[in-house]
Amino acid sequence: MSKLGPVSVGGQNPIRIMGILNVSPESFYKKSIKQGRQIQDAVRQMEQDGADFVDVGGMSSAPYLSTLVSEKEEAKRLVNAINRIQNASNLPISVDTCRAFVAKTALESGADIINDISGLKYDKNMVSVIEKYQPSVILCAYGQSLIKNPMTQVRYLLKQSLNIANKHISKNHIAIDPAIGFFRKTGKNPFFTKIKTDWFARDLHILQNLSSLKMNLPILVSVSNKSFIGQILSKVPPDRLYGSIAAEAVAVLNGADIIRTHNVSQTKDAVSVAQKLSKKIRKGL
């Protein structure tokens, strides 16, 4: 049985919802940014709306933004947020970071999950932190690869991360993420995988073929307000709600086990219906 923190995921479990809470003013989706008392209010609402976890980001990692902040600043933002969340909610806390010092500080403050968009590859000290504190881990596809086929490339990059992770933590506490939005020809920070092919076609292909990425691990998908939705609809992030919900429902139909989203209430309804329909599809009904 797989778990993220105390929550069982994958298999016959319900589709789990991970609410996004950003305490980084530079984040691309401004409605997700919370400060001060807004943090408590936001997490209470997420819990009420049916979230299973809250994922907190202390620094934006969008490839097209120059948003690098110091590790000290990222950690300070996250500790403040974790303390406020713990005072307002019982939701397990995931921390979106790929830097070891930040992860260590967050885990010591009470975080349950490390969501590493580099799949443990960006900071060589991250594995020591993971080994010592034994959190659950979300591994994103990331790294150098000359493989042109997007599915083969993602599997290869995830297997690299799994080879690292399996030496230090139980496989039962790992989920994988195909990193929608993080494969680009160019970027303004180091947190993306460089490709020569079209990123838009790549993201669509991955989402259409999610089921072939299973690797006997739960799959987390994060598509909320992402660029490919803007490309399809010609809409800016604040206007991508319905596109996000549609993409999340399709991700569930195609095999996603966890949906990371800015829109907990709407997403919860959509994926609950999608999961019921996906069961009927699998049973041939």
C-alpha atoms as a PDB file:
ATOM      1  CA  MET A   1       0.000   0.000   0.000  1.00  0.00           C
ATOM      2  CA  SER A   2       1.336   3.426  -0.963  1.00  0.00           C
ATOM      3  CA  LYS A   3       1.067   6.437   1.305  1.00  0.00           C
ATOM      4  CA  LEU A   4       1.901  10.117   1.143  1.00  0.00           C
ATOM      5  CA  GLY A   5       2.241  11.131   4.757  1.00  0.00           C
ATOM      6  CA  PRO A   6      -0.643   9.406   6.570  1.00  0.00           C
ATOM      7  CA  VAL A   7      -2.878   9.225   3.479  1.00  0.00           C
ATOM      8  CA  SER A   8      -3.229   6.065   1.370  1.00  0.00           C
ATOM      9  CA  VAL A   9      -2.931   6.798  -2.336  1.00  0.00           C
ATOM     10  CA  GLY A  10      -3.286   4.936  -5.614  1.00  0.00           C
ATOM     11  CA  GLY A  11      -4.909   1.606  -6.301  1.00  0.00           C
ATOM     12  CA  GLN A  12      -8.551   1.438  -5.226  1.00  0.00           C
ATOM     13  CA  ASN A  13      -8.289   4.551  -3.048  1.00  0.00           C
ATOM     14  CA  PRO A  14     -10.276   7.650  -4.021  1.00  0.00           C
ATOM     15  CA  ILE A  15      -8.526  10.193  -6.189  1.00  0.00           C
ATOM     16  CA  ARG A  16      -6.682  12.412  -3.741  1.00  0.00           C
ATOM     17  CA  ILE A  17      -6.663  16.201  -3.927  1.00  0.00           C
ATOM     18  CA  MET A  18      -3.608  18.291  -3.092  1.00  0.00           C
ATOM     19  CA  GLY A  19      -4.413  21.967  -2.626  1.00  0.00           C
ATOM     20  CA  ILE A  20      -1.789  24.502  -3.710  1.00  0.00           C
ATOM     21  CA  LEU A  21      -0.858  27.290  -1.328  1.00  0.00           C
ATOM     22  CA  ASN A  22       1.904  29.667  -2.351  1.00  0.00           C
ATOM     23  CA  VAL A  23       3.671  32.034   0.028  1.00  0.00           C
ATOM     24  CA  SER A  24       5.953  33.238  -2.747  1.00  0.00           C
ATOM     25  CA  PRO A  25       4.912  36.682  -4.040  1.00  0.00           C
ATOM     26  CA  GLU A  26       6.576  35.917  -7.380  1.00  0.00           C
ATOM     27  CA  SER A  27       4.322  32.932  -8.204  1.00  0.00           C
ATOM     28  CA  PHE A  28       2.655  32.996 -11.616  1.00  0.00           C
ATOM     29  CA  TYR A  29      -0.909  32.473 -10.346  1.00  0.00           C
ATOM     30  CA  LYS A  30      -1.509  35.449  -8.110  1.00  0.00           C
ATOM     31  CA  LYS A  31      -4.750  34.136  -6.595  1.00  0.00           C
ATOM     32  CA  SER A  32      -2.798  31.283  -4.994  1.00  0.00           C
ATOM     33  CA  ILE A  33      -0.498  33.636  -3.057  1.00  0.00           C
ATOM     34  CA  LYS A  34      -1.389  33.961   0.622  1.00  0.00           C
ATOM     35  CA  GLN A  35       0.218  35.959   3.410  1.00  0.00           C
ATOM     36  CA  GLY A  36      -0.421  36.276   7.138  1.00  0.00           C
ATOM     37  CA  ARG A  37      -3.925  35.343   8.242  1.00  0.00           C
ATOM     38  CA  GLN A  38      -4.817  34.516   4.642  1.00  0.00           C
ATOM     39  CA  ILE A  39      -2.805  31.297   5.060  1.00  0.00           C
ATOM     40  CA  GLN A  40      -5.029  30.006   7.865  1.00  0.00           C
ATOM     41  CA  ASP A  41      -8.181  31.043   6.043  1.00  0.00           C
ATOM     42  CA  ALA A  42      -7.062  29.370   2.818  1.00  0.00           C
ATOM     43  CA  VAL A  43      -6.108  26.055   4.405  1.00  0.00           C
ATOM     44  CA  ARG A  44      -9.324  25.875   6.436  1.00  0.00           C
ATOM     45  CA  GLN A  45     -11.254  26.371   3.218  1.00  0.00           C
ATOM     46  CA  MET A  46      -9.223  23.691   1.439  1.00  0.00           C
ATOM     47  CA  GLU A  47      -9.934  21.222   4.227  1.00  0.00           C
ATOM     48  CA  GLN A  48     -13.631  22.078   4.150  1.00  0.00           C
ATOM     49  CA  ASP A  49     -13.691  21.659   0.374  1.00  0.00           C
ATOM     50  CA  GLY A  50     -12.248  18.152   0.551  1.00  0.00           C
ATOM     51  CA  ALA A  51      -8.473  18.479   0.137  1.00  0.00           C
ATOM     52  CA  ASP A  52      -6.386  15.545   1.349  1.00  0.00           C
ATOM     53  CA  PHE A  53      -3.119  17.520   1.559  1.00  0.00           C
ATOM     54  CA  VAL A  54      -1.854  21.068   1.238  1.00  0.00           C
ATOM     55  CA  ASP A  55       1.246  21.694  -0.875  1.00  0.00           C
ATOM     56  CA  VAL A  56       3.141  24.827   0.152  1.00  0.00           C
ATOM     57  CA  GLY A  57       5.562  26.655  -2.117  1.00  0.00           C
ATOM     58  CA  GLY A  58       8.056  29.207  -0.845  1.00  0.00           C
ATOM     59  CA  MET A  59       9.605  30.038  -4.215  1.00  0.00           C
ATOM     60  CA  SER A  60       8.157  29.991  -7.703  1.00  0.00           C
ATOM     61  CA  SER A  61       9.838  27.533 -10.067  1.00  0.00           C
ATOM     62  CA  ALA A  62       7.955  28.408 -13.275  1.00  0.00           C
ATOM     63  CA  PRO A  63      10.578  27.989 -16.043  1.00  0.00           C
ATOM     64  CA  TYR A  64       9.655  31.248 -17.771  1.00  0.00           C
ATOM     65  CA  LEU A  65      10.138  33.421 -14.643  1.00  0.00           C
ATOM     66  CA  SER A  66      13.294  34.722 -12.955  1.00  0.00           C
ATOM     67  CA  THR A  67      12.218  33.943  -9.418  1.00  0.00           C
ATOM     68  CA  LEU A  68      15.231  32.503  -7.596  1.00  0.00           C
ATOM     69  CA  VAL A  69      15.384  33.560  -3.935  1.00  0.00           C
ATOM     70  CA  SER A  70      17.903  32.603  -1.261  1.00  0.00           C
ATOM     71  CA  GLU A  71      17.513  29.310   0.589  1.00  0.00           C
ATOM     72  CA  LYS A  72      17.224  31.287   3.818  1.00  0.00           C
ATOM     73  CA  GLU A  73      14.299  33.312   2.453  1.00  0.00           C
ATOM     74  CA  GLU A  74      12.539  30.251   1.027  1.00  0.00           C
ATOM     75  CA  ALA A  75      12.910  28.412   4.337  1.00  0.00           C
ATOM     76  CA  LYS A  76      11.696  31.421   6.347  1.00  0.00           C
ATOM     77  CA  ARG A  77       8.555  31.693   4.210  1.00  0.00           C
ATOM     78  CA  LEU A  78       7.827  27.987   4.563  1.00  0.00           C
ATOM     79  CA  VAL A  79       8.335  27.772   8.325  1.00  0.00           C
ATOM     80  CA  ASN A  80       5.932  30.654   8.840  1.00  0.00           C
ATOM     81  CA  ALA A  81       3.385  28.979   6.573  1.00  0.00           C
ATOM     82  CA  ILE A  82       3.771  25.546   8.209  1.00  0.00           C
ATOM     83  CA  ASN A  83       3.220  27.025  11.664  1.00  0.00           C
ATOM     84  CA  ARG A  84       0.084  28.819  10.506  1.00  0.00           C
ATOM     85  CA  ILE A  85      -1.270  25.731   8.726  1.00  0.00           C
ATOM     86  CA  GLN A  86      -0.739  23.570  11.812  1.00  0.00           C
ATOM     87  CA  ASN A  87      -2.676  26.083  13.897  1.00  0.00           C
ATOM     88  CA  ALA A  88      -5.608  26.036  11.476  1.00  0.00           C
ATOM     89  CA  SER A  89      -5.857  22.526  10.039  1.00  0.00           C
ATOM     90  CA  ASN A  90      -4.993  18.850  10.349  1.00  0.00           C
ATOM     91  CA  LEU A  91      -4.135  18.475   6.671  1.00  0.00           C
ATOM     92  CA  PRO A  92      -0.828  16.731   5.945  1.00  0.00           C
ATOM     93  CA  ILE A  93       1.704  19.260   4.671  1.00  0.00           C
ATOM     94  CA  SER A  94       3.689  18.844   1.481  1.00  0.00           C
ATOM     95  CA  VAL A  95       6.536  21.259   0.764  1.00  0.00           C
ATOM     96  CA  ASP A  96       7.432  22.134  -2.817  1.00  0.00           C
ATOM     97  CA  THR A  97      11.219  22.474  -2.793  1.00  0.00           C
ATOM     98  CA  CYS A  98      14.270  20.884  -4.364  1.00  0.00           C
ATOM     99  CA  ARG A  99      16.838  22.379  -1.971  1.00  0.00           C
ATOM    100  CA  ALA A 100      18.143  20.303   0.924  1.00  0.00           C
ATOM    101  CA  PHE A 101      18.465  23.042   3.535  1.00  0.00           C
ATOM    102  CA  VAL A 102      14.916  24.171   2.858  1.00  0.00           C
ATOM    103  CA  ALA A 103      13.585  20.603   2.995  1.00  0.00           C
ATOM    104  CA  LYS A 104      15.395  19.922   6.284  1.00  0.00           C
ATOM    105  CA  THR A 105      14.015  23.096   7.850  1.00  0.00           C
ATOM    106  CA  ALA A 106      10.478  22.301   6.668  1.00  0.00           C
ATOM    107  CA  LEU A 107      10.591  18.702   7.927  1.00  0.00           C
ATOM    108  CA  GLU A 108      11.857  19.828  11.319  1.00  0.00           C
ATOM    109  CA  SER A 109       8.906  22.244  11.425  1.00  0.00           C
ATOM    110  CA  GLY A 110       6.363  19.481  10.794  1.00  0.00           C
ATOM    111  CA  ALA A 111       6.078  18.902   7.037  1.00  0.00           C
ATOM    112  CA  ASP A 112       5.136  15.356   6.001  1.00  0.00           C
ATOM    113  CA  ILE A 113       6.006  15.278   2.290  1.00  0.00           C
ATOM    114  CA  ILE A 114       8.766  16.684   0.080  1.00  0.00           C
ATOM    115  CA  ASN A 115       7.613  17.535  -3.429  1.00  0.00           C
ATOM    116  CA  ASP A 116      10.910  17.747  -5.328  1.00  0.00           C
ATOM    117  CA  ILE A 117      10.489  19.021  -8.885  1.00  0.00           C
ATOM    118  CA  SER A 118      14.030  17.879  -9.645  1.00  0.00           C
ATOM    119  CA  GLY A 119      13.413  14.274  -8.579  1.00  0.00           C
ATOM    120  CA  LEU A 120      16.274  14.498  -6.013  1.00  0.00           C
ATOM    121  CA  LYS A 121      18.748  15.571  -8.716  1.00  0.00           C
ATOM    122  CA  TYR A 122      19.162  19.331  -8.193  1.00  0.00           C
ATOM    123  CA  ASP A 123      20.740  19.310  -4.724  1.00  0.00           C
ATOM    124  CA  LYS A 124      23.141  16.458  -3.974  1.00  0.00           C
ATOM    125  CA  ASN A 125      22.478  16.878  -0.246  1.00  0.00           C
ATOM    126  CA  MET A 126      18.756  16.186  -0.577  1.00  0.00           C
ATOM    127  CA  VAL A 127      19.181  12.409  -0.316  1.00  0.00           C
ATOM    128  CA  SER A 128      20.834  12.782   3.092  1.00  0.00           C
ATOM    129  CA  VAL A 129      17.857  14.796   4.316  1.00  0.00           C
ATOM    130  CA  ILE A 130      15.419  12.238   2.914  1.00  0.00           C
ATOM    131  CA  GLU A 131      17.329   9.371   4.501  1.00  0.00           C
ATOM    132  CA  LYS A 132      17.476  11.036   7.919  1.00  0.00           C
ATOM    133  CA  TYR A 133      13.868  12.274   8.178  1.00  0.00           C
ATOM    134  CA  GLN A 134      12.109   9.592   6.078  1.00  0.00           C
ATOM    135  CA  PRO A 135       9.335  11.777   4.640  1.00  0.00           C
ATOM    136  CA  SER A 136       7.095  10.749   1.793  1.00  0.00           C
ATOM    137  CA  VAL A 137       8.449  12.042  -1.519  1.00  0.00           C
ATOM    138  CA  ILE A 138       6.997  13.176  -4.831  1.00  0.00           C
ATOM    139  CA  LEU A 139       9.517  12.707  -7.629  1.00  0.00           C
ATOM    140  CA  CYS A 140       9.160  14.800 -10.779  1.00  0.00           C
ATOM    141  CA  ALA A 141      10.716  13.954 -14.123  1.00  0.00           C
ATOM    142  CA  TYR A 142      13.806  16.153 -14.484  1.00  0.00           C
ATOM    143  CA  GLY A 143      17.300  15.997 -15.943  1.00  0.00           C
ATOM    144  CA  GLN A 144      19.418  15.739 -19.023  1.00  0.00           C
ATOM    145  CA  SER A 145      18.303  13.381 -21.753  1.00  0.00           C
ATOM    146  CA  LEU A 146      18.686  13.185 -25.539  1.00  0.00           C
ATOM    147  CA  ILE A 147      15.668  10.885 -25.882  1.00  0.00           C
ATOM    148  CA  LYS A 148      13.167  12.433 -28.309  1.00  0.00           C
ATOM    149  CA  ASN A 149      10.159  10.232 -27.583  1.00  0.00           C
ATOM    150  CA  PRO A 150       8.419  12.057 -24.691  1.00  0.00           C
ATOM    151  CA  MET A 151       7.076   8.950 -22.956  1.00  0.00           C
ATOM    152  CA  THR A 152      10.406   7.128 -23.146  1.00  0.00           C
ATOM    153  CA  GLN A 153      12.162  10.248 -21.907  1.00  0.00           C
ATOM    154  CA  VAL A 154       9.875  10.706 -18.900  1.00  0.00           C
ATOM    155  CA  ARG A 155      10.135   7.042 -17.902  1.00  0.00           C
ATOM    156  CA  TYR A 156      13.927   7.231 -18.164  1.00  0.00           C
ATOM    157  CA  LEU A 157      14.161  10.363 -16.017  1.00  0.00           C
ATOM    158  CA  LEU A 158      11.754   8.994 -13.413  1.00  0.00           C
ATOM    159  CA  LYS A 159      13.655   5.701 -13.227  1.00  0.00           C
ATOM    160  CA  GLN A 160      16.833   7.670 -12.518  1.00  0.00           C
ATOM    161  CA  SER A 161      15.109   9.393  -9.604  1.00  0.00           C
ATOM    162  CA  LEU A 162      13.642   6.142  -8.342  1.00  0.00           C
ATOM    163  CA  ASN A 163      17.082   4.533  -8.372  1.00  0.00           C
ATOM    164  CA  ILE A 164      18.251   7.357  -6.113  1.00  0.00           C
ATOM    165  CA  ALA A 165      15.204   7.325  -3.850  1.00  0.00           C
ATOM    166  CA  ASN A 166      14.960   3.553  -3.387  1.00  0.00           C
ATOM    167  CA  LYS A 167      18.364   3.516  -1.690  1.00  0.00           C
ATOM    168  CA  HIS A 168      17.147   5.870   1.020  1.00  0.00           C
ATOM    169  CA  ILE A 169      13.384   5.530   1.592  1.00  0.00           C
ATOM    170  CA  SER A 170      10.613   2.966   1.240  1.00  0.00           C
ATOM    171  CA  LYS A 171       9.062   2.681  -2.199  1.00  0.00           C
ATOM    172  CA  ASN A 172       5.682   2.698  -0.447  1.00  0.00           C
ATOM    173  CA  HIS A 173       6.153   6.398   0.320  1.00  0.00           C
ATOM    174  CA  ILE A 174       6.889   7.596  -3.206  1.00  0.00           C
ATOM    175  CA  ALA A 175       4.664   9.121  -5.885  1.00  0.00           C
ATOM    176  CA  ILE A 176       5.756  10.213  -9.364  1.00  0.00           C
ATOM    177  CA  ASP A 177       4.931  13.337 -11.362  1.00  0.00           C
ATOM    178  CA  PRO A 178       5.473  13.684 -15.152  1.00  0.00           C
ATOM    179  CA  ALA A 179       6.261  17.400 -14.690  1.00  0.00           C
ATOM    180  CA  ILE A 180       3.713  19.084 -16.932  1.00  0.00           C
ATOM    181  CA  GLY A 181       4.970  22.544 -17.807  1.00  0.00           C
ATOM    182  CA  PHE A 182       8.600  21.909 -16.871  1.00  0.00           C
ATOM    183  CA  PHE A 183       9.969  20.722 -20.224  1.00  0.00           C
ATOM    184  CA  ARG A 184      11.037  23.776 -22.253  1.00  0.00           C
ATOM    185  CA  LYS A 185      13.444  24.874 -24.953  1.00  0.00           C
ATOM    186  CA  THR A 186      14.600  27.798 -22.797  1.00  0.00           C
ATOM    187  CA  GLY A 187      14.073  29.004 -19.263  1.00  0.00           C
ATOM    188  CA  LYS A 188      15.023  31.673 -16.754  1.00  0.00           C
ATOM    189  CA  ASN A 189      15.874  29.372 -13.857  1.00  0.00           C
ATOM    190  CA  PRO A 190      17.504  25.933 -13.448  1.00  0.00           C
ATOM    191  CA  PHE A 191      14.309  24.083 -12.528  1.00  0.00           C
ATOM    192  CA  PHE A 192      13.281  22.726 -15.919  1.00  0.00           C
ATOM    193  CA  THR A 193      14.313  20.026 -18.378  1.00  0.00           C
ATOM    194  CA  LYS A 194      15.680  21.359 -21.644  1.00  0.00           C
ATOM    195  CA  ILE A 195      14.155  19.852 -24.786  1.00  0.00           C
ATOM    196  CA  LYS A 196      14.465  20.617 -28.487  1.00  0.00           C
ATOM    197  CA  THR A 197      10.924  19.600 -29.371  1.00  0.00           C
ATOM    198  CA  ASP A 198       7.692  21.543 -28.854  1.00  0.00           C
ATOM    199  CA  TRP A 199       6.749  21.738 -25.150  1.00  0.00           C
ATOM    200  CA  PHE A 200       3.031  22.086 -25.899  1.00  0.00           C
ATOM    201  CA  ALA A 201       2.883  18.878 -27.941  1.00  0.00           C
ATOM    202  CA  ARG A 202       4.978  17.160 -25.291  1.00  0.00           C
ATOM    203  CA  ASP A 203       2.610  18.061 -22.443  1.00  0.00           C
ATOM    204  CA  LEU A 204      -0.450  16.942 -24.390  1.00  0.00           C
ATOM    205  CA  HIS A 205       1.169  13.645 -25.345  1.00  0.00           C
ATOM    206  CA  ILE A 206       2.111  12.881 -21.737  1.00  0.00           C
ATOM    207  CA  LEU A 207      -1.392  13.587 -20.438  1.00  0.00           C
ATOM    208  CA  GLN A 208      -2.957  11.481 -23.184  1.00  0.00           C
ATOM    209  CA  ASN A 209      -0.743   8.519 -22.266  1.00  0.00           C
ATOM    210  CA  LEU A 210      -0.503   8.748 -18.484  1.00  0.00           C
ATOM    211  CA  SER A 211      -1.487   5.143 -17.901  1.00  0.00           C
ATOM    212  CA  SER A 212       1.735   3.921 -19.483  1.00  0.00           C
ATOM    213  CA  LEU A 213       3.743   5.740 -16.800  1.00  0.00           C
ATOM    214  CA  LYS A 214       2.330   3.755 -13.879  1.00  0.00           C
ATOM    215  CA  MET A 215       5.568   2.006 -12.842  1.00  0.00           C
ATOM    216  CA  ASN A 216       3.578   0.486  -9.924  1.00  0.00           C
ATOM    217  CA  LEU A 217       3.527   3.862  -8.185  1.00  0.00           C
ATOM    218  CA  PRO A 218       0.824   6.517  -7.683  1.00  0.00           C
ATOM    219  CA  ILE A 219       0.871   9.287 -10.264  1.00  0.00           C
ATOM    220  CA  LEU A 220       0.433  12.909  -9.241  1.00  0.00           C
ATOM    221  CA  VAL A 221      -0.619  15.364 -11.943  1.00  0.00           C
ATOM    222  CA  SER A 222      -0.413  19.130 -11.653  1.00  0.00           C
ATOM    223  CA  VAL A 223      -2.070  20.932 -14.553  1.00  0.00           C
ATOM    224  CA  SER A 224      -4.002  23.685 -12.779  1.00  0.00           C
ATOM    225  CA  ASN A 225      -3.792  26.926 -14.806  1.00  0.00           C
ATOM    226  CA  LYS A 226      -0.715  25.673 -16.677  1.00  0.00           C
ATOM    227  CA  SER A 227       0.550  27.147 -19.944  1.00  0.00           C
ATOM    228  CA  PHE A 228      -0.803  24.397 -22.216  1.00  0.00           C
ATOM    229  CA  ILE A 229      -4.331  25.307 -21.107  1.00  0.00           C
ATOM    230  CA  GLY A 230      -3.625  28.931 -21.950  1.00  0.00           C
ATOM    231  CA  GLN A 231      -2.312  27.796 -25.329  1.00  0.00           C
ATOM    232  CA  ILE A 232      -5.486  25.860 -26.092  1.00  0.00           C
ATOM    233  CA  LEU A 233      -7.898  28.534 -24.866  1.00  0.00           C
ATOM    234  CA  SER A 234      -5.864  31.702 -25.511  1.00  0.00           C
ATOM    235  CA  LYS A 235      -6.516  32.724 -21.901  1.00  0.00           C
ATOM    236  CA  VAL A 236      -4.398  34.113 -19.073  1.00  0.00           C
ATOM    237  CA  PRO A 237      -4.068  32.163 -15.774  1.00  0.00           C
ATOM    238  CA  PRO A 238      -7.019  33.805 -13.946  1.00  0.00           C
ATOM    239  CA  ASP A 239      -9.327  32.708 -16.782  1.00  0.00           C
ATOM    240  CA  ARG A 240      -8.254  29.060 -16.988  1.00  0.00           C
ATOM    241  CA  LEU A 241     -10.541  27.544 -14.331  1.00  0.00           C
ATOM    242  CA  TYR A 242     -12.787  25.508 -16.623  1.00  0.00           C
ATOM    243  CA  GLY A 243      -9.875  24.421 -18.782  1.00  0.00           C
ATOM    244  CA  SER A 244      -8.036  23.281 -15.663  1.00  0.00           C
ATOM    245  CA  ILE A 245     -10.986  21.241 -14.427  1.00  0.00           C
ATOM    246  CA  ALA A 246     -11.403  19.597 -17.827  1.00  0.00           C
ATOM    247  CA  ALA A 247      -7.705  18.687 -17.955  1.00  0.00           C
ATOM    248  CA  GLU A 248      -7.809  17.313 -14.404  1.00  0.00           C
ATOM    249  CA  ALA A 249     -10.820  15.125 -15.179  1.00  0.00           C
ATOM    250  CA  VAL A 250      -9.099  13.757 -18.294  1.00  0.00           C
ATOM    251  CA  ALA A 251      -5.957  13.094 -16.247  1.00  0.00           C
ATOM    252  CA  VAL A 252      -8.031  10.974 -13.864  1.00  0.00           C
ATOM    253  CA  LEU A 253      -9.594   9.067 -16.761  1.00  0.00           C
ATOM    254  CA  ASN A 254      -6.085   8.443 -18.073  1.00  0.00           C
ATOM    255  CA  GLY A 255      -4.689   7.135 -14.791  1.00  0.00           C
ATOM    256  CA  ALA A 256      -3.837   9.961 -12.359  1.00  0.00           C
ATOM    257  CA  ASP A 257      -4.150   9.096  -8.665  1.00  0.00           C
ATOM    258  CA  ILE A 258      -3.520  12.527  -7.123  1.00  0.00           C
ATOM    259  CA  ILE A 259      -4.457  15.926  -8.526  1.00  0.00           C
ATOM    260  CA  ARG A 260      -2.536  18.973  -7.355  1.00  0.00           C
ATOM    261  CA  THR A 261      -4.730  22.038  -7.886  1.00  0.00           C
ATOM    262  CA  HIS A 262      -5.462  25.671  -7.112  1.00  0.00           C
ATOM    263  CA  ASN A 263      -9.205  24.946  -7.229  1.00  0.00           C
ATOM    264  CA  VAL A 264      -9.982  22.370  -4.543  1.00  0.00           C
ATOM    265  CA  SER A 265     -13.772  22.566  -4.432  1.00  0.00           C
ATOM    266  CA  GLN A 266     -14.364  22.477  -8.192  1.00  0.00           C
ATOM    267  CA  THR A 267     -11.642  19.898  -8.768  1.00  0.00           C
ATOM    268  CA  LYS A 268     -12.986  17.612  -6.042  1.00  0.00           C
ATOM    269  CA  ASP A 269     -16.384  17.433  -7.777  1.00  0.00           C
ATOM    270  CA  ALA A 270     -14.904  16.910 -11.221  1.00  0.00           C
ATOM    271  CA  VAL A 271     -12.472  14.157 -10.275  1.00  0.00           C
ATOM    272  CA  SER A 272     -15.038  12.342  -8.129  1.00  0.00           C
ATOM    273  CA  VAL A 273     -17.257  12.020 -11.190  1.00  0.00           C
ATOM    274  CA  ALA A 274     -14.298  11.181 -13.421  1.00  0.00           C
ATOM    275  CA  GLN A 275     -13.187   8.387 -11.111  1.00  0.00           C
ATOM    276  CA  LYS A 276     -16.642   6.815 -11.127  1.00  0.00           C
ATOM    277  CA  LEU A 277     -16.736   6.960 -14.914  1.00  0.00           C
ATOM    278  CA  SER A 278     -13.218   5.607 -15.214  1.00  0.00           C
ATOM    279  CA  LYS A 279     -14.218   2.557 -13.143  1.00  0.00           C
ATOM    280  CA  LYS A 280     -17.129   1.900 -15.477  1.00  0.00           C
ATOM    281  CA  ILE A 281     -14.832   2.258 -18.457  1.00  0.00           C
ATOM    282  CA  ARG A 282     -12.317  -0.199 -16.979  1.00  0.00           C
ATOM    283  CA  LYS A 283     -15.057  -2.707 -16.281  1.00  0.00           C
ATOM    284  CA  GLY A 284     -16.402  -2.327 -19.808  1.00  0.00           C
ATOM    285  CA  LEU A 285     -19.803  -1.097 -18.638  1.00  0.00           C
END
